[in-house]
């Protein structure tokens, strides 16, 4: 993963951010998926588009496990990713799920 990030990002700070995000999501995937399943009313994670599901995982990780990231920043980044890489409905879907997650509780201790 680190080599992939280095080949594409080429800036040490961005590589560290990318690898940290990847490692954090991987280490907390079960907890993230449980929280997303609760927040995604009437949606099971396997039924979600892969792009939406993974954007939600990134946003949820930032909301739940990175207290240094303001919730509004995590939400805006996820919505922008959904707008760029998802379908026409992705931005509103991602916004709705992450907004429910953000308003449903405090950040977890990592």
PDB file of N, CA and C in Angstrom:
ATOM      1  N   UNK A   1       0.818  -1.191   0.000  1.00  0.00           N
ATOM      2  CA  UNK A   1       0.000   0.000   0.000  1.00  0.00           C
ATOM      3  C   UNK A   1       0.868   1.264   0.000  1.00  0.00           C
ATOM      4  N   UNK A   2       1.923   1.234   0.826  1.00  0.00           N
ATOM      5  CA  UNK A   2       2.775   2.414   0.908  1.00  0.00           C
ATOM      6  C   UNK A   2       3.449   2.710  -0.439  1.00  0.00           C
ATOM      7  N   UNK A   3       3.905   1.661  -1.107  1.00  0.00           N
ATOM      8  CA  UNK A   3       4.544   1.862  -2.417  1.00  0.00           C
ATOM      9  C   UNK A   3       3.547   2.420  -3.430  1.00  0.00           C
ATOM     10  N   UNK A   4       2.329   1.916  -3.416  1.00  0.00           N
ATOM     11  CA  UNK A   4       1.257   2.422  -4.285  1.00  0.00           C
ATOM     12  C   UNK A   4       1.062   3.914  -4.038  1.00  0.00           C
ATOM     13  N   UNK A   5       0.963   4.299  -2.761  1.00  0.00           N
ATOM     14  CA  UNK A   5       0.762   5.708  -2.415  1.00  0.00           C
ATOM     15  C   UNK A   5       1.963   6.550  -2.847  1.00  0.00           C
ATOM     16  N   UNK A   6       3.168   6.057  -2.627  1.00  0.00           N
ATOM     17  CA  UNK A   6       4.376   6.801  -3.014  1.00  0.00           C
ATOM     18  C   UNK A   6       4.438   7.024  -4.519  1.00  0.00           C
ATOM     19  N   UNK A   7       4.078   6.000  -5.290  1.00  0.00           N
ATOM     20  CA  UNK A   7       4.124   6.111  -6.748  1.00  0.00           C
ATOM     21  C   UNK A   7       3.138   7.141  -7.280  1.00  0.00           C
ATOM     22  N   UNK A   8       2.017   7.308  -6.590  1.00  0.00           N
ATOM     23  CA  UNK A   8       0.987   8.200  -7.095  1.00  0.00           C
ATOM     24  C   UNK A   8       0.997   9.585  -6.473  1.00  0.00           C
ATOM     25  N   UNK A   9       1.367   9.674  -5.213  1.00  0.00           N
ATOM     26  CA  UNK A   9       1.260  10.956  -4.511  1.00  0.00           C
ATOM     27  C   UNK A   9       2.565  11.738  -4.501  1.00  0.00           C
ATOM     28  N   UNK A  10       3.666  11.051  -4.361  1.00  0.00           N
ATOM     29  CA  UNK A  10       5.010  11.632  -4.462  1.00  0.00           C
ATOM     30  C   UNK A  10       5.338  12.729  -3.459  1.00  0.00           C
ATOM     31  N   UNK A  11       4.448  13.041  -2.535  1.00  0.00           N
ATOM     32  CA  UNK A  11       4.731  14.006  -1.471  1.00  0.00           C
ATOM     33  C   UNK A  11       4.659  13.259  -0.147  1.00  0.00           C
ATOM     34  N   UNK A  12       5.722  13.297   0.643  1.00  0.00           N
ATOM     35  CA  UNK A  12       5.758  12.518   1.889  1.00  0.00           C
ATOM     36  C   UNK A  12       4.566  12.760   2.815  1.00  0.00           C
ATOM     37  N   UNK A  13       4.113  13.999   2.931  1.00  0.00           N
ATOM     38  CA  UNK A  13       2.978  14.281   3.804  1.00  0.00           C
ATOM     39  C   UNK A  13       1.694  13.616   3.313  1.00  0.00           C
ATOM     40  N   UNK A  14       1.497  13.639   1.991  1.00  0.00           N
ATOM     41  CA  UNK A  14       0.303  13.001   1.422  1.00  0.00           C
ATOM     42  C   UNK A  14       0.378  11.485   1.531  1.00  0.00           C
ATOM     43  N   UNK A  15       1.566  10.937   1.337  1.00  0.00           N
ATOM     44  CA  UNK A  15       1.755   9.488   1.484  1.00  0.00           C
ATOM     45  C   UNK A  15       1.435   9.070   2.912  1.00  0.00           C
ATOM     46  N   UNK A  16       1.941   9.808   3.881  1.00  0.00           N
ATOM     47  CA  UNK A  16       1.681   9.486   5.284  1.00  0.00           C
ATOM     48  C   UNK A  16       0.193   9.573   5.601  1.00  0.00           C
ATOM     49  N   UNK A  17      -0.473  10.590   5.078  1.00  0.00           N
ATOM     50  CA  UNK A  17      -1.914  10.729   5.292  1.00  0.00           C
ATOM     51  C   UNK A  17      -2.672   9.554   4.689  1.00  0.00           C
ATOM     52  N   UNK A  18      -2.331   9.199   3.475  1.00  0.00           N
ATOM     53  CA  UNK A  18      -2.987   8.099   2.776  1.00  0.00           C
ATOM     54  C   UNK A  18      -2.784   6.774   3.499  1.00  0.00           C
ATOM     55  N   UNK A  19      -1.555   6.477   3.855  1.00  0.00           N
ATOM     56  CA  UNK A  19      -1.245   5.220   4.532  1.00  0.00           C
ATOM     57  C   UNK A  19      -1.903   5.178   5.912  1.00  0.00           C
ATOM     58  N   UNK A  20      -1.891   6.298   6.614  1.00  0.00           N
ATOM     59  CA  UNK A  20      -2.541   6.366   7.917  1.00  0.00           C
ATOM     60  C   UNK A  20      -4.039   6.138   7.825  1.00  0.00           C
ATOM     61  N   UNK A  21      -4.653   6.706   6.818  1.00  0.00           N
ATOM     62  CA  UNK A  21      -6.084   6.515   6.585  1.00  0.00           C
ATOM     63  C   UNK A  21      -6.377   5.052   6.271  1.00  0.00           C
ATOM     64  N   UNK A  22      -5.603   4.473   5.385  1.00  0.00           N
ATOM     65  CA  UNK A  22      -5.778   3.071   5.018  1.00  0.00           C
ATOM     66  C   UNK A  22      -5.609   2.160   6.231  1.00  0.00           C
ATOM     67  N   UNK A  23      -4.523   2.348   6.967  1.00  0.00           N
ATOM     68  CA  UNK A  23      -4.249   1.502   8.135  1.00  0.00           C
ATOM     69  C   UNK A  23      -5.316   1.675   9.207  1.00  0.00           C
ATOM     70  N   UNK A  24      -5.760   2.905   9.427  1.00  0.00           N
ATOM     71  CA  UNK A  24      -6.782   3.155  10.433  1.00  0.00           C
ATOM     72  C   UNK A  24      -8.109   2.512  10.090  1.00  0.00           C
ATOM     73  N   UNK A  25      -8.493   2.602   8.834  1.00  0.00           N
ATOM     74  CA  UNK A  25      -9.742   1.974   8.396  1.00  0.00           C
ATOM     75  C   UNK A  25      -9.627   0.462   8.519  1.00  0.00           C
ATOM     76  N   UNK A  26      -8.523  -0.094   8.067  1.00  0.00           N
ATOM     77  CA  UNK A  26      -8.342  -1.547   8.143  1.00  0.00           C
ATOM     78  C   UNK A  26      -8.381  -2.039   9.589  1.00  0.00           C
ATOM     79  N   UNK A  27      -7.750  -1.323  10.490  1.00  0.00           N
ATOM     80  CA  UNK A  27      -7.695  -1.735  11.893  1.00  0.00           C
ATOM     81  C   UNK A  27      -9.049  -1.619  12.597  1.00  0.00           C
ATOM     82  N   UNK A  28      -9.909  -0.745  12.096  1.00  0.00           N
ATOM     83  CA  UNK A  28     -11.188  -0.472  12.757  1.00  0.00           C
ATOM     84  C   UNK A  28     -12.389  -0.814  11.887  1.00  0.00           C
ATOM     85  N   UNK A  29     -12.184  -1.639  10.879  1.00  0.00           N
ATOM     86  CA  UNK A  29     -13.228  -1.891   9.887  1.00  0.00           C
ATOM     87  C   UNK A  29     -14.522  -2.435  10.497  1.00  0.00           C
ATOM     88  N   UNK A  30     -14.430  -3.381  11.409  1.00  0.00           N
ATOM     89  CA  UNK A  30     -15.645  -3.942  12.003  1.00  0.00           C
ATOM     90  C   UNK A  30     -16.446  -2.876  12.745  1.00  0.00           C
ATOM     91  N   UNK A  31     -15.777  -2.064  13.536  1.00  0.00           N
ATOM     92  CA  UNK A  31     -16.464  -1.005  14.284  1.00  0.00           C
ATOM     93  C   UNK A  31     -17.056   0.037  13.339  1.00  0.00           C
ATOM     94  N   UNK A  32     -16.311   0.393  12.305  1.00  0.00           N
ATOM     95  CA  UNK A  32     -16.794   1.364  11.317  1.00  0.00           C
ATOM     96  C   UNK A  32     -18.037   0.813  10.615  1.00  0.00           C
ATOM     97  N   UNK A  33     -17.968  -0.438  10.174  1.00  0.00           N
ATOM     98  CA  UNK A  33     -19.099  -1.024   9.460  1.00  0.00           C
ATOM     99  C   UNK A  33     -20.336  -1.149  10.348  1.00  0.00           C
ATOM    100  N   UNK A  34     -20.141  -1.464  11.627  1.00  0.00           N
ATOM    101  CA  UNK A  34     -21.292  -1.518  12.546  1.00  0.00           C
ATOM    102  C   UNK A  34     -21.956  -0.155  12.673  1.00  0.00           C
ATOM    103  N   UNK A  35     -21.139   0.864  12.833  1.00  0.00           N
ATOM    104  CA  UNK A  35     -21.670   2.228  12.968  1.00  0.00           C
ATOM    105  C   UNK A  35     -22.378   2.666  11.677  1.00  0.00           C
ATOM    106  N   UNK A  36     -21.790   2.344  10.543  1.00  0.00           N
ATOM    107  CA  UNK A  36     -22.413   2.706   9.267  1.00  0.00           C
ATOM    108  C   UNK A  36     -23.723   1.961   9.065  1.00  0.00           C
ATOM    109  N   UNK A  37     -23.756   0.692   9.422  1.00  0.00           N
ATOM    110  CA  UNK A  37     -24.988  -0.096   9.276  1.00  0.00           C
ATOM    111  C   UNK A  37     -26.109   0.511  10.112  1.00  0.00           C
ATOM    112  N   UNK A  38     -25.775   0.993  11.289  1.00  0.00           N
ATOM    113  CA  UNK A  38     -26.779   1.640  12.137  1.00  0.00           C
ATOM    114  C   UNK A  38     -27.243   2.972  11.546  1.00  0.00           C
ATOM    115  N   UNK A  39     -26.321   3.721  10.956  1.00  0.00           N
ATOM    116  CA  UNK A  39     -26.647   5.045  10.418  1.00  0.00           C
ATOM    117  C   UNK A  39     -27.322   4.988   9.055  1.00  0.00           C
ATOM    118  N   UNK A  40     -27.100   3.932   8.296  1.00  0.00           N
ATOM    119  CA  UNK A  40     -27.639   3.815   6.934  1.00  0.00           C
ATOM    120  C   UNK A  40     -29.006   3.145   6.983  1.00  0.00           C
ATOM    121  N   UNK A  41     -30.004   3.916   7.293  1.00  0.00           N
ATOM    122  CA  UNK A  41     -31.357   3.387   7.417  1.00  0.00           C
ATOM    123  C   UNK A  41     -31.786   2.698   6.123  1.00  0.00           C
ATOM    124  N   UNK A  42     -32.291   1.490   6.266  1.00  0.00           N
ATOM    125  CA  UNK A  42     -32.811   0.698   5.149  1.00  0.00           C
ATOM    126  C   UNK A  42     -31.758   0.308   4.115  1.00  0.00           C
ATOM    127  N   UNK A  43     -30.492   0.375   4.478  1.00  0.00           N
ATOM    128  CA  UNK A  43     -29.412  -0.026   3.574  1.00  0.00           C
ATOM    129  C   UNK A  43     -28.473  -0.973   4.302  1.00  0.00           C
ATOM    130  N   UNK A  44     -28.173  -2.085   3.653  1.00  0.00           N
ATOM    131  CA  UNK A  44     -27.138  -2.985   4.158  1.00  0.00           C
ATOM    132  C   UNK A  44     -25.862  -2.652   3.396  1.00  0.00           C
ATOM    133  N   UNK A  45     -24.744  -2.724   4.084  1.00  0.00           N
ATOM    134  CA  UNK A  45     -23.480  -2.366   3.434  1.00  0.00           C
ATOM    135  C   UNK A  45     -23.216  -3.139   2.148  1.00  0.00           C
ATOM    136  N   UNK A  46     -23.465  -4.460   2.091  1.00  0.00           N
ATOM    137  CA  UNK A  46     -23.196  -5.170   0.836  1.00  0.00           C
ATOM    138  C   UNK A  46     -24.047  -4.682  -0.348  1.00  0.00           C
ATOM    139  N   UNK A  47     -25.188  -4.049  -0.077  1.00  0.00           N
ATOM    140  CA  UNK A  47     -26.050  -3.552  -1.150  1.00  0.00           C
ATOM    141  C   UNK A  47     -25.601  -2.200  -1.696  1.00  0.00           C
ATOM    142  N   UNK A  48     -24.762  -1.512  -0.944  1.00  0.00           N
ATOM    143  CA  UNK A  48     -24.294  -0.189  -1.378  1.00  0.00           C
ATOM    144  C   UNK A  48     -23.312  -0.317  -2.535  1.00  0.00           C
ATOM    145  N   UNK A  49     -23.299   0.699  -3.367  1.00  0.00           N
ATOM    146  CA  UNK A  49     -22.278   0.748  -4.414  1.00  0.00           C
ATOM    147  C   UNK A  49     -20.905   0.761  -3.736  1.00  0.00           C
ATOM    148  N   UNK A  50     -19.950   0.061  -4.312  1.00  0.00           N
ATOM    149  CA  UNK A  50     -18.621  -0.066  -3.708  1.00  0.00           C
ATOM    150  C   UNK A  50     -17.977   1.300  -3.471  1.00  0.00           C
ATOM    151  N   UNK A  51     -18.127   2.212  -4.401  1.00  0.00           N
ATOM    152  CA  UNK A  51     -17.543   3.546  -4.248  1.00  0.00           C
ATOM    153  C   UNK A  51     -18.165   4.245  -3.045  1.00  0.00           C
ATOM    154  N   UNK A  52     -19.492   4.225  -2.952  1.00  0.00           N
ATOM    155  CA  UNK A  52     -20.175   4.870  -1.835  1.00  0.00           C
ATOM    156  C   UNK A  52     -19.770   4.232  -0.504  1.00  0.00           C
ATOM    157  N   UNK A  53     -19.750   2.925  -0.459  1.00  0.00           N
ATOM    158  CA  UNK A  53     -19.408   2.204   0.772  1.00  0.00           C
ATOM    159  C   UNK A  53     -18.006   2.579   1.255  1.00  0.00           C
ATOM    160  N   UNK A  54     -17.065   2.665   0.347  1.00  0.00           N
ATOM    161  CA  UNK A  54     -15.695   2.970   0.749  1.00  0.00           C
ATOM    162  C   UNK A  54     -15.501   4.446   1.086  1.00  0.00           C
ATOM    163  N   UNK A  55     -16.219   5.322   0.433  1.00  0.00           N
ATOM    164  CA  UNK A  55     -16.194   6.735   0.823  1.00  0.00           C
ATOM    165  C   UNK A  55     -16.798   6.876   2.219  1.00  0.00           C
ATOM    166  N   UNK A  56     -17.881   6.163   2.474  1.00  0.00           N
ATOM    167  CA  UNK A  56     -18.483   6.188   3.807  1.00  0.00           C
ATOM    168  C   UNK A  56     -17.515   5.672   4.863  1.00  0.00           C
ATOM    169  N   UNK A  57     -16.779   4.645   4.540  1.00  0.00           N
ATOM    170  CA  UNK A  57     -15.797   4.112   5.491  1.00  0.00           C
ATOM    171  C   UNK A  57     -14.716   5.151   5.808  1.00  0.00           C
ATOM    172  N   UNK A  58     -14.242   5.861   4.794  1.00  0.00           N
ATOM    173  CA  UNK A  58     -13.228   6.895   5.036  1.00  0.00           C
ATOM    174  C   UNK A  58     -13.799   8.011   5.896  1.00  0.00           C
ATOM    175  N   UNK A  59     -14.993   8.471   5.544  1.00  0.00           N
ATOM    176  CA  UNK A  59     -15.615   9.532   6.323  1.00  0.00           C
ATOM    177  C   UNK A  59     -15.912   9.107   7.747  1.00  0.00           C
ATOM    178  N   UNK A  60     -16.408   7.884   7.907  1.00  0.00           N
ATOM    179  CA  UNK A  60     -16.723   7.373   9.246  1.00  0.00           C
ATOM    180  C   UNK A  60     -15.452   7.244  10.078  1.00  0.00           C
ATOM    181  N   UNK A  61     -14.380   6.780   9.478  1.00  0.00           N
ATOM    182  CA  UNK A  61     -13.112   6.676  10.219  1.00  0.00           C
ATOM    183  C   UNK A  61     -12.700   8.050  10.737  1.00  0.00           C
ATOM    184  N   UNK A  62     -12.757   9.046   9.875  1.00  0.00           N
ATOM    185  CA  UNK A  62     -12.368  10.387  10.308  1.00  0.00           C
ATOM    186  C   UNK A  62     -13.295  10.909  11.405  1.00  0.00           C
ATOM    187  N   UNK A  63     -14.592  10.668  11.266  1.00  0.00           N
ATOM    188  CA  UNK A  63     -15.541  11.133  12.281  1.00  0.00           C
ATOM    189  C   UNK A  63     -15.349  10.440  13.619  1.00  0.00           C
ATOM    190  N   UNK A  64     -15.087   9.144  13.579  1.00  0.00           N
ATOM    191  CA  UNK A  64     -15.073   8.344  14.799  1.00  0.00           C
ATOM    192  C   UNK A  64     -13.704   8.228  15.469  1.00  0.00           C
ATOM    193  N   UNK A  65     -12.639   8.283  14.685  1.00  0.00           N
ATOM    194  CA  UNK A  65     -11.323   7.944  15.225  1.00  0.00           C
ATOM    195  C   UNK A  65     -10.244   9.010  15.060  1.00  0.00           C
ATOM    196  N   UNK A  66     -10.556  10.126  14.429  1.00  0.00           N
ATOM    197  CA  UNK A  66      -9.547  11.174  14.284  1.00  0.00           C
ATOM    198  C   UNK A  66     -10.083  12.485  14.854  1.00  0.00           C
ATOM    199  N   UNK A  67      -9.927  12.671  16.150  1.00  0.00           N
ATOM    200  CA  UNK A  67     -10.466  13.884  16.774  1.00  0.00           C
ATOM    201  C   UNK A  67      -9.852  15.174  16.248  1.00  0.00           C
ATOM    202  N   UNK A  68      -8.684  15.090  15.631  1.00  0.00           N
ATOM    203  CA  UNK A  68      -8.069  16.299  15.078  1.00  0.00           C
ATOM    204  C   UNK A  68      -8.747  16.779  13.798  1.00  0.00           C
ATOM    205  N   UNK A  69      -9.586  15.938  13.197  1.00  0.00           N
ATOM    206  CA  UNK A  69     -10.322  16.328  11.990  1.00  0.00           C
ATOM    207  C   UNK A  69     -11.699  16.843  12.391  1.00  0.00           C
ATOM    208  N   UNK A  70     -11.993  18.117  12.120  1.00  0.00           N
ATOM    209  CA  UNK A  70     -13.325  18.625  12.438  1.00  0.00           C
ATOM    210  C   UNK A  70     -14.396  17.851  11.654  1.00  0.00           C
ATOM    211  N   UNK A  71     -15.523  17.543  12.293  1.00  0.00           N
ATOM    212  CA  UNK A  71     -16.578  16.798  11.589  1.00  0.00           C
ATOM    213  C   UNK A  71     -17.003  17.438  10.273  1.00  0.00           C
ATOM    214  N   UNK A  72     -17.083  18.760  10.229  1.00  0.00           N
ATOM    215  CA  UNK A  72     -17.499  19.421   8.986  1.00  0.00           C
ATOM    216  C   UNK A  72     -16.499  19.160   7.856  1.00  0.00           C
ATOM    217  N   UNK A  73     -15.229  19.074   8.190  1.00  0.00           N
ATOM    218  CA  UNK A  73     -14.198  18.795   7.181  1.00  0.00           C
ATOM    219  C   UNK A  73     -14.342  17.361   6.674  1.00  0.00           C
ATOM    220  N   UNK A  74     -14.529  16.417   7.591  1.00  0.00           N
ATOM    221  CA  UNK A  74     -14.701  15.016   7.186  1.00  0.00           C
ATOM    222  C   UNK A  74     -15.919  14.863   6.284  1.00  0.00           C
ATOM    223  N   UNK A  75     -17.024  15.513   6.647  1.00  0.00           N
ATOM    224  CA  UNK A  75     -18.238  15.441   5.824  1.00  0.00           C
ATOM    225  C   UNK A  75     -18.009  16.053   4.447  1.00  0.00           C
ATOM    226  N   UNK A  76     -17.420  17.237   4.407  1.00  0.00           N
ATOM    227  CA  UNK A  76     -17.193  17.901   3.119  1.00  0.00           C
ATOM    228  C   UNK A  76     -16.261  17.112   2.212  1.00  0.00           C
ATOM    229  N   UNK A  77     -15.205  16.533   2.783  1.00  0.00           N
ATOM    230  CA  UNK A  77     -14.288  15.732   1.974  1.00  0.00           C
ATOM    231  C   UNK A  77     -15.003  14.518   1.382  1.00  0.00           C
ATOM    232  N   UNK A  78     -15.802  13.845   2.205  1.00  0.00           N
ATOM    233  CA  UNK A  78     -16.521  12.659   1.733  1.00  0.00           C
ATOM    234  C   UNK A  78     -17.522  13.028   0.640  1.00  0.00           C
ATOM    235  N   UNK A  79     -18.227  14.126   0.813  1.00  0.00           N
ATOM    236  CA  UNK A  79     -19.201  14.556  -0.196  1.00  0.00           C
ATOM    237  C   UNK A  79     -18.500  14.889  -1.508  1.00  0.00           C
ATOM    238  N   UNK A  80     -17.357  15.550  -1.424  1.00  0.00           N
ATOM    239  CA  UNK A  80     -16.594  15.867  -2.639  1.00  0.00           C
ATOM    240  C   UNK A  80     -16.119  14.599  -3.350  1.00  0.00           C
ATOM    241  N   UNK A  81     -15.652  13.613  -2.582  1.00  0.00           N
ATOM    242  CA  UNK A  81     -15.249  12.343  -3.194  1.00  0.00           C
ATOM    243  C   UNK A  81     -16.442  11.667  -3.862  1.00  0.00           C
ATOM    244  N   UNK A  82     -17.592  11.699  -3.203  1.00  0.00           N
ATOM    245  CA  UNK A  82     -18.800  11.093  -3.775  1.00  0.00           C
ATOM    246  C   UNK A  82     -19.209  11.813  -5.054  1.00  0.00           C
ATOM    247  N   UNK A  83     -19.088  13.124  -5.053  1.00  0.00           N
ATOM    248  CA  UNK A  83     -19.440  13.911  -6.239  1.00  0.00           C
ATOM    249  C   UNK A  83     -18.501  13.567  -7.402  1.00  0.00           C
ATOM    250  N   UNK A  84     -17.231  13.376  -7.069  1.00  0.00           N
ATOM    251  CA  UNK A  84     -16.236  13.128  -8.124  1.00  0.00           C
ATOM    252  C   UNK A  84     -16.265  11.687  -8.641  1.00  0.00           C
ATOM    253  N   UNK A  85     -16.442  10.716  -7.738  1.00  0.00           N
ATOM    254  CA  UNK A  85     -16.271   9.317  -8.134  1.00  0.00           C
ATOM    255  C   UNK A  85     -17.561   8.487  -8.102  1.00  0.00           C
ATOM    256  N   UNK A  86     -18.599   8.998  -7.491  1.00  0.00           N
ATOM    257  CA  UNK A  86     -19.828   8.221  -7.364  1.00  0.00           C
ATOM    258  C   UNK A  86     -20.837   8.543  -8.448  1.00  0.00           C
ATOM    259  N   UNK A  87     -22.047   8.097  -8.209  1.00  0.00           N
ATOM    260  CA  UNK A  87     -23.141   8.358  -9.135  1.00  0.00           C
ATOM    261  C   UNK A  87     -23.768   9.716  -8.823  1.00  0.00           C
ATOM    262  N   UNK A  88     -24.784  10.078  -9.566  1.00  0.00           N
ATOM    263  CA  UNK A  88     -25.466  11.351  -9.336  1.00  0.00           C
ATOM    264  C   UNK A  88     -26.097  11.407  -7.944  1.00  0.00           C
ATOM    265  N   UNK A  89     -26.506  10.257  -7.406  1.00  0.00           N
ATOM    266  CA  UNK A  89     -27.140  10.208  -6.085  1.00  0.00           C
ATOM    267  C   UNK A  89     -26.146  10.067  -4.934  1.00  0.00           C
ATOM    268  N   UNK A  90     -24.900   9.793  -5.236  1.00  0.00           N
ATOM    269  CA  UNK A  90     -23.906   9.519  -4.197  1.00  0.00           C
ATOM    270  C   UNK A  90     -23.683  10.660  -3.206  1.00  0.00           C
ATOM    271  N   UNK A  91     -23.543  11.908  -3.659  1.00  0.00           N
ATOM    272  CA  UNK A  91     -23.279  12.971  -2.679  1.00  0.00           C
ATOM    273  C   UNK A  91     -24.364  13.095  -1.611  1.00  0.00           C
ATOM    274  N   UNK A  92     -25.625  13.047  -2.009  1.00  0.00           N
ATOM    275  CA  UNK A  92     -26.693  13.177  -1.008  1.00  0.00           C
ATOM    276  C   UNK A  92     -26.770  11.939  -0.123  1.00  0.00           C
ATOM    277  N   UNK A  93     -26.524  10.764  -0.684  1.00  0.00           N
ATOM    278  CA  UNK A  93     -26.529   9.537   0.112  1.00  0.00           C
ATOM    279  C   UNK A  93     -25.418   9.563   1.156  1.00  0.00           C
ATOM    280  N   UNK A  94     -24.200   9.872   0.735  1.00  0.00           N
ATOM    281  CA  UNK A  94     -23.057   9.939   1.643  1.00  0.00           C
ATOM    282  C   UNK A  94     -23.299  11.004   2.708  1.00  0.00           C
ATOM    283  N   UNK A  95     -23.798  12.154   2.301  1.00  0.00           N
ATOM    284  CA  UNK A  95     -24.087  13.221   3.249  1.00  0.00           C
ATOM    285  C   UNK A  95     -25.101  12.762   4.298  1.00  0.00           C
ATOM    286  N   UNK A  96     -26.165  12.125   3.865  1.00  0.00           N
ATOM    287  CA  UNK A  96     -27.199  11.680   4.796  1.00  0.00           C
ATOM    288  C   UNK A  96     -26.692  10.670   5.808  1.00  0.00           C
ATOM    289  N   UNK A  97     -25.957   9.677   5.348  1.00  0.00           N
ATOM    290  CA  UNK A  97     -25.457   8.630   6.247  1.00  0.00           C
ATOM    291  C   UNK A  97     -24.436   9.205   7.220  1.00  0.00           C
ATOM    292  N   UNK A  98     -23.477   9.967   6.721  1.00  0.00           N
ATOM    293  CA  UNK A  98     -22.444  10.513   7.609  1.00  0.00           C
ATOM    294  C   UNK A  98     -23.012  11.569   8.557  1.00  0.00           C
ATOM    295  N   UNK A  99     -24.004  12.315   8.098  1.00  0.00           N
ATOM    296  CA  UNK A  99     -24.629  13.288   8.990  1.00  0.00           C
ATOM    297  C   UNK A  99     -25.330  12.586  10.149  1.00  0.00           C
ATOM    298  N   UNK A 100     -26.034  11.487   9.867  1.00  0.00           N
ATOM    299  CA  UNK A 100     -26.669  10.700  10.934  1.00  0.00           C
ATOM    300  C   UNK A 100     -25.606  10.132  11.876  1.00  0.00           C
ATOM    301  N   UNK A 101     -24.515   9.658  11.313  1.00  0.00           N
ATOM    302  CA  UNK A 101     -23.430   9.112  12.133  1.00  0.00           C
ATOM    303  C   UNK A 101     -22.825  10.212  13.024  1.00  0.00           C
ATOM    304  N   UNK A 102     -22.571  11.370  12.442  1.00  0.00           N
ATOM    305  CA  UNK A 102     -21.950  12.462  13.180  1.00  0.00           C
ATOM    306  C   UNK A 102     -22.865  12.989  14.276  1.00  0.00           C
ATOM    307  N   UNK A 103     -24.137  13.046  14.033  1.00  0.00           N
ATOM    308  CA  UNK A 103     -25.054  13.593  15.027  1.00  0.00           C
ATOM    309  C   UNK A 103     -25.505  12.555  16.037  1.00  0.00           C
ATOM    310  N   UNK A 104     -25.165  11.282  15.782  1.00  0.00           N
ATOM    311  CA  UNK A 104     -25.615  10.208  16.661  1.00  0.00           C
ATOM    312  C   UNK A 104     -24.723   9.925  17.829  1.00  0.00           C
ATOM    313  N   UNK A 105     -23.575  10.543  17.949  1.00  0.00           N
ATOM    314  CA  UNK A 105     -22.703  10.236  19.077  1.00  0.00           C
ATOM    315  C   UNK A 105     -21.396  10.979  19.011  1.00  0.00           C
ATOM    316  N   UNK A 106     -20.605  10.743  19.985  1.00  0.00           N
ATOM    317  CA  UNK A 106     -19.283  11.363  20.099  1.00  0.00           C
ATOM    318  C   UNK A 106     -18.248  10.511  19.381  1.00  0.00           C
ATOM    319  N   UNK A 107     -17.089  11.087  19.172  1.00  0.00           N
ATOM    320  CA  UNK A 107     -15.976  10.339  18.585  1.00  0.00           C
ATOM    321  C   UNK A 107     -15.515   9.269  19.542  1.00  0.00           C
ATOM    322  N   UNK A 108     -15.102   8.138  18.980  1.00  0.00           N
ATOM    323  CA  UNK A 108     -14.614   7.035  19.807  1.00  0.00           C
ATOM    324  C   UNK A 108     -13.165   7.251  20.185  1.00  0.00           C
ATOM    325  N   UNK A 109     -12.760   6.636  21.283  1.00  0.00           N
ATOM    326  CA  UNK A 109     -11.340   6.619  21.653  1.00  0.00           C
ATOM    327  C   UNK A 109     -10.670   5.565  20.793  1.00  0.00           C
ATOM    328  N   UNK A 110      -9.537   5.889  20.207  1.00  0.00           N
ATOM    329  CA  UNK A 110      -8.860   4.882  19.380  1.00  0.00           C
ATOM    330  C   UNK A 110      -7.861   4.098  20.153  1.00  0.00           C
TER     331      UNK A 110
END
